[in-house]
Structure formats: structure tokens, C-alpha cells
Amino acid sequence: MSSIAAPQPAPASQVPAPPPRRLPAADPTPRSADGLLVSEAIYWTTYYLESDHQYEWNNGRLEEKPVSDYETFLVYAWFGELVRHFLRTHPCAQLVGLEMGFRLPLPSGTVIRKPDFGVVRNDNPQPLLPLACSYHGVFDLCIEALSDQERSGIERDTVIKKAEYAAGGVPEYYILHQNPAHQAFYTRTPTGFYTPIAPQAGVICSRVLPGLQFRPTDLARRPDLETLRDDPVYVGFVLPGWRADRERAEAEAQAKREAVNRANAEARRANAEARRADAEAQRAEAEAQRAVEQTRRADTEAQARQRLEHELSALRARLAQGPSDR
């Protein structure tokens, strides 16, 4: 009986594997939520500390803070360093930045603004808490670096925020920009409106920080610290320690010069005294020599007189003997 092989199963057909699923690429430029309507609670929890965008909140609507150009940033950085020097010398206030916001309940609605940096005086009724991420009071000075990329950005800082800060009670408001035509420095009047700070001999003087003063023209020039420390406008608060050290070193150098001068004068007087003493000694020696010579002459003259008297006595004696004795 012939054996019959068992049937073999047909090879399975090769089904191509599905291509790997590609995840959607991350958006390199996350979309801005500018203009989005959100509640204040959502703003604080979701958008206030947003890392990709910086938002302010205007009565329910998000407003993205625009970016300033580099030259304006340099003006902002130079002025910020000037204020820091002032506060090191006159620690009457605290300077804050890092997009710290504060809340302004206004008649037209509540707004939350993040000035580019603000100043809180030590006597402000609401202290600046060390661990706070927002300020619960009203800044004494708000400073904005103006962005002129869009008309809305210009209007926001020069018109809208100006009115809000004045109505909210911010005593001073400065707008910085690389173009002097866009710079502005305001102080709040008792009636609650801003008026430009009138320069005194070309110098702006702060009322919020008495002693802080600057030339608006220096915002464009941005002199270095070595220049500022000797400038009469800034001499009171820029590097006073360096100036004190320099004055102390100059005083010490002057004291050393005066000590050397005194020592030289004493040496000259001592030399003069020595010369006078030498002269006196020489005169005394000359006097002694003259006395010796006079004594010698007197002795010689005395000896001569003695010889003469002896000879006269001998002569008289011979004469007295007469001719016979001869």
C-alpha cells in the first residue's frame, strides 16, 4: 500500500506592514490668544504666567504685550541700571520687573497691567511681599518701553495705559523709546490727571524718588558709569563708594605729599641751621685766629719793648758813668 503524504498548508500571503504613524509637528510659533475673552480667574491661573506670550487683561479680554526694538531695549536697560544705582545709594523703594502685574479696579472696568518695570516706595501702604508673583497694591512709578511696530501698541502705552495709570493712582509714569519724540515723563496732579514733568535746565527730577534725576538727552547717548560718576547731574548716586574711595585715596596722597613737603622743609631748615652753625664756627675760628695773632703781635711788641727798654737802660747807665769811665 503506497503511503500518501499529508497535505501541507499553503504559505500565508505577505501583507505589508502599515507605515508608522507620524505625530503632528509642534507648532514652532504658538498662536497668540490676543483678544480672547476670558474670566479674571482664568487669566490668573492660565495666562498670567504664560511663557510663550505675555498677556495683560483688560476687563475680560486678553491683550498681548508687544515687543520693543533693540535700540529701545538699550534705552530701557540703561535707565533701569540708573534707577538701580539710585536705589543702592538711597534705599527708599524697591524696583520690580519680571512682568509683575498689578490690578486696577477702574470706573470703566478692572484691568491687570504688567509694566516693564515698576517702583514701590517703602512707605507705600501695600508692601511688596518677597514671594509674591503679583503686586497687590498700586505702583508708585510705572515705566513702559514703547513698541512702535503697530499703531495699537503705541496707543496702548501713550493713551490707554496713561489714562488707566492716572485713574488708578500711579503717581508717576514714564514712557521710554529710542526716539526722543516718543519719550514722555508724567506726574499725577491732585485732580488725578497726568501732566508732563517740566525739565529744569534740561534735567527731569522725580517726585516719587527725590534725588533721582536725569537728562532725557542721555537716554540716547547712554554715557558709561565712568562718565556718570563725575557728572554733576548723577554725582549724588552713581558709584558714590568709588568716589569716596577716590577722594579718600586723594586725601591720603595729599597727606603724604604734605608730610614729604614738611619733611623736606624740616630738612632744609636743618641744613640751613647746620650751615649757620658752620658759619658761626668759622667765624669763631676766625675770631680765635685773630685773637691768637693779636696775642702773638702783643707778645712780639712786648718783647720788642722789653729789648728797647733794656737797651735804653744800658745806654743810660753808660751815660751816667761819664767820659772818664770810658
C-alpha atoms as a PDB file:
ATOM      1  CA  MET A   1       0.000   0.000   0.000  1.00  0.00           C
ATOM      2  CA  SER A   2       1.536   3.201  -1.014  1.00  0.00           C
ATOM      3  CA  SER A   3       1.813   5.940   1.515  1.00  0.00           C
ATOM      4  CA  ILE A   4       0.107   9.218   0.816  1.00  0.00           C
ATOM      5  CA  ALA A   5       1.792  12.411   2.182  1.00  0.00           C
ATOM      6  CA  ALA A   6      -0.308  14.664   4.350  1.00  0.00           C
ATOM      7  CA  PRO A   7      -1.293  17.882   2.640  1.00  0.00           C
ATOM      8  CA  GLN A   8       0.886  20.947   3.583  1.00  0.00           C
ATOM      9  CA  PRO A   9      -0.830  24.266   4.358  1.00  0.00           C
ATOM     10  CA  ALA A  10      -0.447  26.949   1.734  1.00  0.00           C
ATOM     11  CA  PRO A  11       2.031  29.675   2.666  1.00  0.00           C
ATOM     12  CA  ALA A  12       0.441  32.742   4.132  1.00  0.00           C
ATOM     13  CA  SER A  13       0.351  35.740   1.866  1.00  0.00           C
ATOM     14  CA  GLN A  14       2.774  38.589   2.864  1.00  0.00           C
ATOM     15  CA  VAL A  15       0.690  41.605   3.988  1.00  0.00           C
ATOM     16  CA  PRO A  16       2.793  44.827   4.028  1.00  0.00           C
ATOM     17  CA  ALA A  17       3.061  46.447   7.454  1.00  0.00           C
ATOM     18  CA  PRO A  18       1.302  49.822   7.730  1.00  0.00           C
ATOM     19  CA  PRO A  19       3.657  52.818   7.656  1.00  0.00           C
ATOM     20  CA  PRO A  20       4.493  54.288  11.069  1.00  0.00           C
ATOM     21  CA  ARG A  21       2.068  56.967  12.163  1.00  0.00           C
ATOM     22  CA  ARG A  22       3.623  60.407  12.222  1.00  0.00           C
ATOM     23  CA  LEU A  23       2.758  62.628  15.137  1.00  0.00           C
ATOM     24  CA  PRO A  24       1.712  66.135  14.220  1.00  0.00           C
ATOM     25  CA  ALA A  25       4.663  68.509  14.332  1.00  0.00           C
ATOM     26  CA  ALA A  26       4.714  71.012  17.135  1.00  0.00           C
ATOM     27  CA  ASP A  27       3.718  74.472  16.064  1.00  0.00           C
ATOM     28  CA  PRO A  28       7.001  76.492  16.121  1.00  0.00           C
ATOM     29  CA  THR A  29       5.026  79.673  16.610  1.00  0.00           C
ATOM     30  CA  PRO A  30       2.191  79.033  19.068  1.00  0.00           C
ATOM     31  CA  ARG A  31      -0.782  81.106  18.192  1.00  0.00           C
ATOM     32  CA  SER A  32      -1.439  84.151  20.302  1.00  0.00           C
ATOM     33  CA  ALA A  33      -4.595  84.391  22.375  1.00  0.00           C
ATOM     34  CA  ASP A  34      -4.634  88.153  21.960  1.00  0.00           C
ATOM     35  CA  GLY A  35      -8.226  89.405  22.103  1.00  0.00           C
ATOM     36  CA  LEU A  36      -9.606  86.232  23.680  1.00  0.00           C
ATOM     37  CA  LEU A  37     -12.407  86.753  26.189  1.00  0.00           C
ATOM     38  CA  VAL A  38     -11.600  85.012  29.480  1.00  0.00           C
ATOM     39  CA  SER A  39     -12.605  85.476  33.092  1.00  0.00           C
ATOM     40  CA  GLU A  40     -10.228  87.077  35.548  1.00  0.00           C
ATOM     41  CA  ALA A  41      -9.840  83.752  37.355  1.00  0.00           C
ATOM     42  CA  ILE A  42      -8.863  82.001  34.108  1.00  0.00           C
ATOM     43  CA  TYR A  43      -6.421  84.815  33.351  1.00  0.00           C
ATOM     44  CA  TRP A  44      -4.628  84.411  36.680  1.00  0.00           C
ATOM     45  CA  THR A  45      -4.462  80.626  36.512  1.00  0.00           C
ATOM     46  CA  THR A  46      -3.791  80.109  32.793  1.00  0.00           C
ATOM     47  CA  TYR A  47      -2.462  83.222  31.075  1.00  0.00           C
ATOM     48  CA  TYR A  48      -0.774  85.394  33.689  1.00  0.00           C
ATOM     49  CA  LEU A  49       2.402  83.268  33.772  1.00  0.00           C
ATOM     50  CA  GLU A  50       2.216  82.229  30.108  1.00  0.00           C
ATOM     51  CA  SER A  51       5.784  81.571  28.901  1.00  0.00           C
ATOM     52  CA  ASP A  52       5.407  81.985  25.137  1.00  0.00           C
ATOM     53  CA  HIS A  53       3.339  85.167  25.345  1.00  0.00           C
ATOM     54  CA  GLN A  54       2.938  87.906  27.894  1.00  0.00           C
ATOM     55  CA  TYR A  55      -0.670  88.911  28.380  1.00  0.00           C
ATOM     56  CA  GLU A  56      -2.384  91.703  30.208  1.00  0.00           C
ATOM     57  CA  TRP A  57      -6.085  91.589  30.990  1.00  0.00           C
ATOM     58  CA  ASN A  58      -8.424  94.393  30.034  1.00  0.00           C
ATOM     59  CA  ASN A  59     -11.877  93.985  31.530  1.00  0.00           C
ATOM     60  CA  GLY A  60     -12.292  90.397  30.307  1.00  0.00           C
ATOM     61  CA  ARG A  61     -10.115  90.456  27.188  1.00  0.00           C
ATOM     62  CA  LEU A  62      -6.512  89.264  26.810  1.00  0.00           C
ATOM     63  CA  GLU A  63      -4.054  91.795  25.422  1.00  0.00           C
ATOM     64  CA  GLU A  64      -0.627  90.547  24.356  1.00  0.00           C
ATOM     65  CA  LYS A  65       2.278  92.802  25.281  1.00  0.00           C
ATOM     66  CA  PRO A  66       4.155  93.828  22.134  1.00  0.00           C
ATOM     67  CA  VAL A  67       7.939  93.568  21.776  1.00  0.00           C
ATOM     68  CA  SER A  68      10.126  96.681  21.553  1.00  0.00           C
ATOM     69  CA  ASP A  69      13.038  97.095  19.147  1.00  0.00           C
ATOM     70  CA  TYR A  70      16.609  96.521  20.315  1.00  0.00           C
ATOM     71  CA  GLU A  71      17.538 100.203  20.482  1.00  0.00           C
ATOM     72  CA  THR A  72      14.565 100.856  22.759  1.00  0.00           C
ATOM     73  CA  PHE A  73      15.643  97.910  24.888  1.00  0.00           C
ATOM     74  CA  LEU A  74      19.077  99.547  25.295  1.00  0.00           C
ATOM     75  CA  VAL A  75      17.375 102.766  26.461  1.00  0.00           C
ATOM     76  CA  TYR A  76      15.236 100.742  28.869  1.00  0.00           C
ATOM     77  CA  ALA A  77      18.249  98.799  30.197  1.00  0.00           C
ATOM     78  CA  TRP A  78      20.357 101.949  30.677  1.00  0.00           C
ATOM     79  CA  PHE A  79      17.583 103.730  32.557  1.00  0.00           C
ATOM     80  CA  GLY A  80      16.864 100.660  34.680  1.00  0.00           C
ATOM     81  CA  GLU A  81      20.528 100.499  35.701  1.00  0.00           C
ATOM     82  CA  LEU A  82      20.423 104.207  36.563  1.00  0.00           C
ATOM     83  CA  VAL A  83      17.436 103.607  38.882  1.00  0.00           C
ATOM     84  CA  ARG A  84      19.236 100.640  40.460  1.00  0.00           C
ATOM     85  CA  HIS A  85      22.260 102.829  41.215  1.00  0.00           C
ATOM     86  CA  PHE A  86      19.943 105.396  42.776  1.00  0.00           C
ATOM     87  CA  LEU A  87      18.208 102.809  44.977  1.00  0.00           C
ATOM     88  CA  ARG A  88      21.559 101.397  46.125  1.00  0.00           C
ATOM     89  CA  THR A  89      22.529 104.859  47.336  1.00  0.00           C
ATOM     90  CA  HIS A  90      19.035 105.879  48.504  1.00  0.00           C
ATOM     91  CA  PRO A  91      17.223 102.658  49.550  1.00  0.00           C
ATOM     92  CA  CYS A  92      13.813 104.308  49.723  1.00  0.00           C
ATOM     93  CA  ALA A  93      11.996 101.930  47.381  1.00  0.00           C
ATOM     94  CA  GLN A  94      12.078  98.575  45.615  1.00  0.00           C
ATOM     95  CA  LEU A  95      12.371  98.002  41.881  1.00  0.00           C
ATOM     96  CA  VAL A  96      10.417  95.169  40.287  1.00  0.00           C
ATOM     97  CA  GLY A  97      10.317  93.694  36.820  1.00  0.00           C
ATOM     98  CA  LEU A  98       9.880  90.159  35.536  1.00  0.00           C
ATOM     99  CA  GLU A  99       6.485  91.131  34.089  1.00  0.00           C
ATOM    100  CA  MET A 100       4.957  91.508  37.545  1.00  0.00           C
ATOM    101  CA  GLY A 101       1.339  92.586  37.198  1.00  0.00           C
ATOM    102  CA  PHE A 102      -0.983  94.646  39.361  1.00  0.00           C
ATOM    103  CA  ARG A 103      -4.743  95.011  39.391  1.00  0.00           C
ATOM    104  CA  LEU A 104      -6.509  98.329  38.825  1.00  0.00           C
ATOM    105  CA  PRO A 105     -10.266  98.447  39.529  1.00  0.00           C
ATOM    106  CA  LEU A 106     -11.347 101.424  37.436  1.00  0.00           C
ATOM    107  CA  PRO A 107     -14.758 103.007  36.836  1.00  0.00           C
ATOM    108  CA  SER A 108     -14.647 101.654  33.277  1.00  0.00           C
ATOM    109  CA  GLY A 109     -13.774  98.106  34.438  1.00  0.00           C
ATOM    110  CA  THR A 110     -10.938  96.169  36.008  1.00  0.00           C
ATOM    111  CA  VAL A 111      -7.598  95.867  34.219  1.00  0.00           C
ATOM    112  CA  ILE A 112      -4.449  93.924  35.059  1.00  0.00           C
ATOM    113  CA  ARG A 113      -1.295  95.554  33.746  1.00  0.00           C
ATOM    114  CA  LYS A 114       2.343  94.419  33.636  1.00  0.00           C
ATOM    115  CA  PRO A 115       4.584  97.480  33.421  1.00  0.00           C
ATOM    116  CA  ASP A 116       8.046  96.755  32.041  1.00  0.00           C
ATOM    117  CA  PHE A 117       9.262  97.698  35.470  1.00  0.00           C
ATOM    118  CA  GLY A 118       7.749  99.414  38.452  1.00  0.00           C
ATOM    119  CA  VAL A 119       8.815 101.045  41.689  1.00  0.00           C
ATOM    120  CA  VAL A 120       7.234 100.525  45.108  1.00  0.00           C
ATOM    121  CA  ARG A 121       8.231 103.047  47.765  1.00  0.00           C
ATOM    122  CA  ASN A 122       8.983 101.780  51.252  1.00  0.00           C
ATOM    123  CA  ASP A 123       6.152 103.920  52.630  1.00  0.00           C
ATOM    124  CA  ASN A 124       3.597 102.527  50.173  1.00  0.00           C
ATOM    125  CA  PRO A 125       0.548 101.301  52.167  1.00  0.00           C
ATOM    126  CA  GLN A 126       0.852  97.920  50.414  1.00  0.00           C
ATOM    127  CA  PRO A 127       4.327  96.421  50.901  1.00  0.00           C
ATOM    128  CA  LEU A 128       5.918  94.328  48.167  1.00  0.00           C
ATOM    129  CA  LEU A 129       5.914  90.773  49.539  1.00  0.00           C
ATOM    130  CA  PRO A 130       9.098  88.740  48.937  1.00  0.00           C
ATOM    131  CA  LEU A 131       7.357  85.664  47.489  1.00  0.00           C
ATOM    132  CA  ALA A 132       4.586  87.474  45.624  1.00  0.00           C
ATOM    133  CA  CYS A 133       4.205  86.878  41.873  1.00  0.00           C
ATOM    134  CA  SER A 134       1.949  89.911  41.502  1.00  0.00           C
ATOM    135  CA  TYR A 135       1.724  93.212  43.314  1.00  0.00           C
ATOM    136  CA  HIS A 136      -1.419  93.716  45.393  1.00  0.00           C
ATOM    137  CA  GLY A 137      -1.127  97.491  45.591  1.00  0.00           C
ATOM    138  CA  VAL A 138      -0.549 100.378  43.167  1.00  0.00           C
ATOM    139  CA  PHE A 139       2.967 101.050  41.900  1.00  0.00           C
ATOM    140  CA  ASP A 140       4.444 104.451  42.726  1.00  0.00           C
ATOM    141  CA  LEU A 141       6.201 104.599  39.355  1.00  0.00           C
ATOM    142  CA  CYS A 142       5.418 102.643  36.181  1.00  0.00           C
ATOM    143  CA  ILE A 143       7.806 102.559  33.229  1.00  0.00           C
ATOM    144  CA  GLU A 144       6.942 101.198  29.795  1.00  0.00           C
ATOM    145  CA  ALA A 145       9.298 100.589  26.865  1.00  0.00           C
ATOM    146  CA  LEU A 146       7.183 101.674  23.920  1.00  0.00           C
ATOM    147  CA  SER A 147       6.707  99.356  20.955  1.00  0.00           C
ATOM    148  CA  ASP A 148       6.047 101.266  17.747  1.00  0.00           C
ATOM    149  CA  GLN A 149       5.642  98.218  15.482  1.00  0.00           C
ATOM    150  CA  GLU A 150       1.880  98.663  15.414  1.00  0.00           C
ATOM    151  CA  ARG A 151      -0.339 101.645  15.987  1.00  0.00           C
ATOM    152  CA  SER A 152      -2.290  99.687  18.608  1.00  0.00           C
ATOM    153  CA  GLY A 153       0.885  99.233  20.672  1.00  0.00           C
ATOM    154  CA  ILE A 154       1.649 102.943  20.562  1.00  0.00           C
ATOM    155  CA  GLU A 155      -1.913 103.849  21.516  1.00  0.00           C
ATOM    156  CA  ARG A 156      -1.976 101.327  24.345  1.00  0.00           C
ATOM    157  CA  ASP A 157       1.038 102.876  26.131  1.00  0.00           C
ATOM    158  CA  THR A 158       0.546 106.534  25.239  1.00  0.00           C
ATOM    159  CA  VAL A 159      -3.218 106.808  25.604  1.00  0.00           C
ATOM    160  CA  ILE A 160      -4.903 103.812  27.225  1.00  0.00           C
ATOM    161  CA  LYS A 161      -2.354 102.947  29.914  1.00  0.00           C
ATOM    162  CA  LYS A 162      -1.703 106.604  30.562  1.00  0.00           C
ATOM    163  CA  ALA A 163      -5.388 107.106  31.392  1.00  0.00           C
ATOM    164  CA  GLU A 164      -5.588 103.863  33.391  1.00  0.00           C
ATOM    165  CA  TYR A 165      -2.474 104.570  35.466  1.00  0.00           C
ATOM    166  CA  ALA A 166      -3.667 108.088  36.212  1.00  0.00           C
ATOM    167  CA  ALA A 167      -7.139 106.910  37.189  1.00  0.00           C
ATOM    168  CA  GLY A 168      -5.680 104.067  39.250  1.00  0.00           C
ATOM    169  CA  GLY A 169      -3.462 106.431  41.265  1.00  0.00           C
ATOM    170  CA  VAL A 170       0.053 105.730  39.896  1.00  0.00           C
ATOM    171  CA  PRO A 171       1.954 108.922  40.915  1.00  0.00           C
ATOM    172  CA  GLU A 172       4.452 108.876  38.025  1.00  0.00           C
ATOM    173  CA  TYR A 173       4.517 107.262  34.591  1.00  0.00           C
ATOM    174  CA  TYR A 174       7.482 107.196  32.180  1.00  0.00           C
ATOM    175  CA  ILE A 175       7.441 106.077  28.547  1.00  0.00           C
ATOM    176  CA  LEU A 176      10.846 105.137  27.111  1.00  0.00           C
ATOM    177  CA  HIS A 177      11.780 104.826  23.455  1.00  0.00           C
ATOM    178  CA  GLN A 178      14.836 105.166  21.269  1.00  0.00           C
ATOM    179  CA  ASN A 179      13.189 108.145  19.526  1.00  0.00           C
ATOM    180  CA  PRO A 180      13.067 111.192  21.853  1.00  0.00           C
ATOM    181  CA  ALA A 181       9.818 112.250  20.187  1.00  0.00           C
ATOM    182  CA  HIS A 182       8.115 109.188  21.716  1.00  0.00           C
ATOM    183  CA  GLN A 183       9.527 109.649  25.227  1.00  0.00           C
ATOM    184  CA  ALA A 184       7.281 111.045  27.936  1.00  0.00           C
ATOM    185  CA  PHE A 185       7.563 111.638  31.679  1.00  0.00           C
ATOM    186  CA  TYR A 186       4.377 112.313  33.628  1.00  0.00           C
ATOM    187  CA  THR A 187       3.495 113.211  37.194  1.00  0.00           C
ATOM    188  CA  ARG A 188      -0.011 112.923  38.611  1.00  0.00           C
ATOM    189  CA  THR A 189      -1.769 116.103  39.670  1.00  0.00           C
ATOM    190  CA  PRO A 190      -4.069 116.340  42.724  1.00  0.00           C
ATOM    191  CA  THR A 191      -7.022 116.221  40.328  1.00  0.00           C
ATOM    192  CA  GLY A 192      -5.984 112.749  39.128  1.00  0.00           C
ATOM    193  CA  PHE A 193      -4.549 113.596  35.706  1.00  0.00           C
ATOM    194  CA  TYR A 194      -1.044 113.325  34.318  1.00  0.00           C
ATOM    195  CA  THR A 195       0.945 116.394  33.391  1.00  0.00           C
ATOM    196  CA  PRO A 196       4.406 116.325  31.792  1.00  0.00           C
ATOM    197  CA  ILE A 197       7.295 116.817  34.203  1.00  0.00           C
ATOM    198  CA  ALA A 198       8.880 120.152  33.303  1.00  0.00           C
ATOM    199  CA  PRO A 199      12.666 119.789  32.855  1.00  0.00           C
ATOM    200  CA  GLN A 200      14.848 122.035  34.997  1.00  0.00           C
ATOM    201  CA  ALA A 201      17.885 123.112  32.968  1.00  0.00           C
ATOM    202  CA  GLY A 202      17.297 120.084  30.754  1.00  0.00           C
ATOM    203  CA  VAL A 203      17.011 117.680  33.701  1.00  0.00           C
ATOM    204  CA  ILE A 204      13.985 115.591  34.735  1.00  0.00           C
ATOM    205  CA  CYS A 205      13.604 115.347  38.521  1.00  0.00           C
ATOM    206  CA  SER A 206      11.415 112.623  40.015  1.00  0.00           C
ATOM    207  CA  ARG A 207       8.961 113.481  42.774  1.00  0.00           C
ATOM    208  CA  VAL A 208       8.372 109.831  43.662  1.00  0.00           C
ATOM    209  CA  LEU A 209      12.107 109.220  44.130  1.00  0.00           C
ATOM    210  CA  PRO A 210      13.518 112.539  45.409  1.00  0.00           C
ATOM    211  CA  GLY A 211      17.082 112.857  44.201  1.00  0.00           C
ATOM    212  CA  LEU A 212      16.631 110.733  41.091  1.00  0.00           C
ATOM    213  CA  GLN A 213      17.351 112.990  38.130  1.00  0.00           C
ATOM    214  CA  PHE A 214      18.470 112.506  34.547  1.00  0.00           C
ATOM    215  CA  ARG A 215      18.778 114.241  31.230  1.00  0.00           C
ATOM    216  CA  PRO A 216      16.389 112.893  28.575  1.00  0.00           C
ATOM    217  CA  THR A 217      19.190 113.512  26.053  1.00  0.00           C
ATOM    218  CA  ASP A 218      21.313 110.963  27.931  1.00  0.00           C
ATOM    219  CA  LEU A 219      18.791 108.228  27.087  1.00  0.00           C
ATOM    220  CA  ALA A 220      20.074 108.376  23.513  1.00  0.00           C
ATOM    221  CA  ARG A 221      23.733 108.899  24.452  1.00  0.00           C
ATOM    222  CA  ARG A 222      23.737 106.416  27.360  1.00  0.00           C
ATOM    223  CA  PRO A 223      27.037 107.560  28.939  1.00  0.00           C
ATOM    224  CA  ASP A 224      29.060 104.886  30.731  1.00  0.00           C
ATOM    225  CA  LEU A 225      29.439 104.768  34.500  1.00  0.00           C
ATOM    226  CA  GLU A 226      32.888 106.364  34.423  1.00  0.00           C
ATOM    227  CA  THR A 227      31.325 109.403  32.777  1.00  0.00           C
ATOM    228  CA  LEU A 228      28.242 109.480  35.011  1.00  0.00           C
ATOM    229  CA  ARG A 229      30.160 109.274  38.285  1.00  0.00           C
ATOM    230  CA  ASP A 230      31.789 112.661  37.613  1.00  0.00           C
ATOM    231  CA  ASP A 231      28.725 114.294  36.031  1.00  0.00           C
ATOM    232  CA  PRO A 232      27.119 116.869  38.386  1.00  0.00           C
ATOM    233  CA  VAL A 233      23.648 115.542  37.489  1.00  0.00           C
ATOM    234  CA  TYR A 234      24.467 111.982  38.585  1.00  0.00           C
ATOM    235  CA  VAL A 235      27.292 112.525  41.068  1.00  0.00           C
ATOM    236  CA  GLY A 236      24.943 112.128  44.043  1.00  0.00           C
ATOM    237  CA  PHE A 237      24.029 108.494  43.370  1.00  0.00           C
ATOM    238  CA  VAL A 238      26.193 106.858  40.695  1.00  0.00           C
ATOM    239  CA  LEU A 239      29.168 104.986  42.222  1.00  0.00           C
ATOM    240  CA  PRO A 240      29.418 107.138  45.364  1.00  0.00           C
ATOM    241  CA  GLY A 241      31.536 104.415  47.005  1.00  0.00           C
ATOM    242  CA  TRP A 242      34.077 104.623  44.202  1.00  0.00           C
ATOM    243  CA  ARG A 243      34.091 108.401  44.510  1.00  0.00           C
ATOM    244  CA  ALA A 244      34.534 108.175  48.292  1.00  0.00           C
ATOM    245  CA  ASP A 245      37.429 105.748  47.807  1.00  0.00           C
ATOM    246  CA  ARG A 246      38.965 108.057  45.237  1.00  0.00           C
ATOM    247  CA  GLU A 247      38.551 111.086  47.495  1.00  0.00           C
ATOM    248  CA  ARG A 248      39.986 109.104  50.403  1.00  0.00           C
ATOM    249  CA  ALA A 249      42.934 107.993  48.258  1.00  0.00           C
ATOM    250  CA  GLU A 250      43.450 111.571  47.071  1.00  0.00           C
ATOM    251  CA  ALA A 251      43.296 112.802  50.677  1.00  0.00           C
ATOM    252  CA  GLU A 252      45.827 110.170  51.730  1.00  0.00           C
ATOM    253  CA  ALA A 253      48.069 111.055  48.798  1.00  0.00           C
ATOM    254  CA  GLN A 254      47.735 114.741  49.675  1.00  0.00           C
ATOM    255  CA  ALA A 255      48.582 113.970  53.315  1.00  0.00           C
ATOM    256  CA  LYS A 256      51.657 112.046  52.165  1.00  0.00           C
ATOM    257  CA  ARG A 257      52.676 114.912  49.889  1.00  0.00           C
ATOM    258  CA  GLU A 258      52.233 117.365  52.751  1.00  0.00           C
ATOM    259  CA  ALA A 259      54.237 115.077  55.066  1.00  0.00           C
ATOM    260  CA  VAL A 260      57.015 114.850  52.472  1.00  0.00           C
ATOM    261  CA  ASN A 261      56.896 118.610  51.999  1.00  0.00           C
ATOM    262  CA  ARG A 262      57.094 119.117  55.762  1.00  0.00           C
ATOM    263  CA  ALA A 263      59.986 116.661  55.990  1.00  0.00           C
ATOM    264  CA  ASN A 264      61.726 118.424  53.130  1.00  0.00           C
ATOM    265  CA  ALA A 265      61.111 121.778  54.780  1.00  0.00           C
ATOM    266  CA  GLU A 266      62.478 120.456  58.080  1.00  0.00           C
ATOM    267  CA  ALA A 267      65.495 119.070  56.252  1.00  0.00           C
ATOM    268  CA  ARG A 268      66.025 122.409  54.532  1.00  0.00           C
ATOM    269  CA  ARG A 269      65.723 124.206  57.876  1.00  0.00           C
ATOM    270  CA  ALA A 270      68.122 121.720  59.454  1.00  0.00           C
ATOM    271  CA  ASN A 271      70.539 122.226  56.576  1.00  0.00           C
ATOM    272  CA  ALA A 272      70.227 125.984  56.965  1.00  0.00           C
ATOM    273  CA  GLU A 273      70.831 125.689  60.718  1.00  0.00           C
ATOM    274  CA  ALA A 274      73.844 123.489  60.039  1.00  0.00           C
ATOM    275  CA  ARG A 275      75.159 125.996  57.525  1.00  0.00           C
ATOM    276  CA  ARG A 276      74.600 128.794  60.016  1.00  0.00           C
ATOM    277  CA  ALA A 277      76.346 126.745  62.707  1.00  0.00           C
ATOM    278  CA  ASP A 278      79.240 126.097  60.326  1.00  0.00           C
ATOM    279  CA  ALA A 279      79.383 129.790  59.554  1.00  0.00           C
ATOM    280  CA  GLU A 280      79.334 130.620  63.262  1.00  0.00           C
ATOM    281  CA  ALA A 281      82.086 128.062  63.878  1.00  0.00           C
ATOM    282  CA  GLN A 282      84.100 129.504  61.049  1.00  0.00           C
ATOM    283  CA  ARG A 283      83.591 132.998  62.419  1.00  0.00           C
ATOM    284  CA  ALA A 284      84.526 131.799  65.913  1.00  0.00           C
ATOM    285  CA  GLU A 285      87.588 130.097  64.497  1.00  0.00           C
ATOM    286  CA  ALA A 286      88.483 133.243  62.598  1.00  0.00           C
ATOM    287  CA  GLU A 287      87.987 135.275  65.770  1.00  0.00           C
ATOM    288  CA  ALA A 288      90.174 132.834  67.693  1.00  0.00           C
ATOM    289  CA  GLN A 289      92.812 133.027  64.981  1.00  0.00           C
ATOM    290  CA  ARG A 290      92.698 136.785  65.087  1.00  0.00           C
ATOM    291  CA  ALA A 291      92.969 136.658  68.893  1.00  0.00           C
ATOM    292  CA  VAL A 292      95.971 134.357  68.591  1.00  0.00           C
ATOM    293  CA  GLU A 293      97.542 136.681  66.065  1.00  0.00           C
ATOM    294  CA  GLN A 294      96.794 139.662  68.263  1.00  0.00           C
ATOM    295  CA  THR A 295      98.296 137.869  71.240  1.00  0.00           C
ATOM    296  CA  ARG A 296     101.314 136.939  69.153  1.00  0.00           C
ATOM    297  CA  ARG A 297     101.676 140.528  67.986  1.00  0.00           C
ATOM    298  CA  ALA A 298     101.249 141.756  71.551  1.00  0.00           C
ATOM    299  CA  ASP A 299     103.910 139.331  72.746  1.00  0.00           C
ATOM    300  CA  THR A 300     106.215 140.386  69.955  1.00  0.00           C
ATOM    301  CA  GLU A 301     105.586 144.031  70.725  1.00  0.00           C
ATOM    302  CA  ALA A 302     106.131 143.395  74.462  1.00  0.00           C
ATOM    303  CA  GLN A 303     109.366 141.598  73.730  1.00  0.00           C
ATOM    304  CA  ALA A 304     110.425 144.424  71.479  1.00  0.00           C
ATOM    305  CA  ARG A 305     109.572 146.968  74.163  1.00  0.00           C
ATOM    306  CA  GLN A 306     111.499 144.952  76.715  1.00  0.00           C
ATOM    307  CA  ARG A 307     114.552 144.833  74.486  1.00  0.00           C
ATOM    308  CA  LEU A 308     114.214 148.512  73.777  1.00  0.00           C
ATOM    309  CA  GLU A 309     113.865 149.338  77.463  1.00  0.00           C
ATOM    310  CA  HIS A 310     116.826 147.139  78.266  1.00  0.00           C
ATOM    311  CA  GLU A 311     118.911 148.851  75.643  1.00  0.00           C
ATOM    312  CA  LEU A 312     117.790 152.285  76.923  1.00  0.00           C
ATOM    313  CA  SER A 313     118.628 151.294  80.476  1.00  0.00           C
ATOM    314  CA  ALA A 314     122.074 150.179  79.364  1.00  0.00           C
ATOM    315  CA  LEU A 315     122.552 153.378  77.463  1.00  0.00           C
ATOM    316  CA  ARG A 316     121.502 155.467  80.409  1.00  0.00           C
ATOM    317  CA  ALA A 317     123.900 153.588  82.603  1.00  0.00           C
ATOM    318  CA  ARG A 318     126.839 154.266  80.306  1.00  0.00           C
ATOM    319  CA  LEU A 319     125.902 157.889  80.013  1.00  0.00           C
ATOM    320  CA  ALA A 320     125.728 158.170  83.761  1.00  0.00           C
ATOM    321  CA  GLN A 321     129.283 156.911  84.188  1.00  0.00           C
ATOM    322  CA  GLY A 322     130.677 159.876  82.301  1.00  0.00           C
ATOM    323  CA  PRO A 323     133.624 160.228  79.952  1.00  0.00           C
ATOM    324  CA  SER A 324     136.201 159.154  82.485  1.00  0.00           C
ATOM    325  CA  ASP A 325     134.874 155.787  82.775  1.00  0.00           C
ATOM    326  CA  ARG A 326     135.304 155.286  79.138  1.00  0.00           C
END
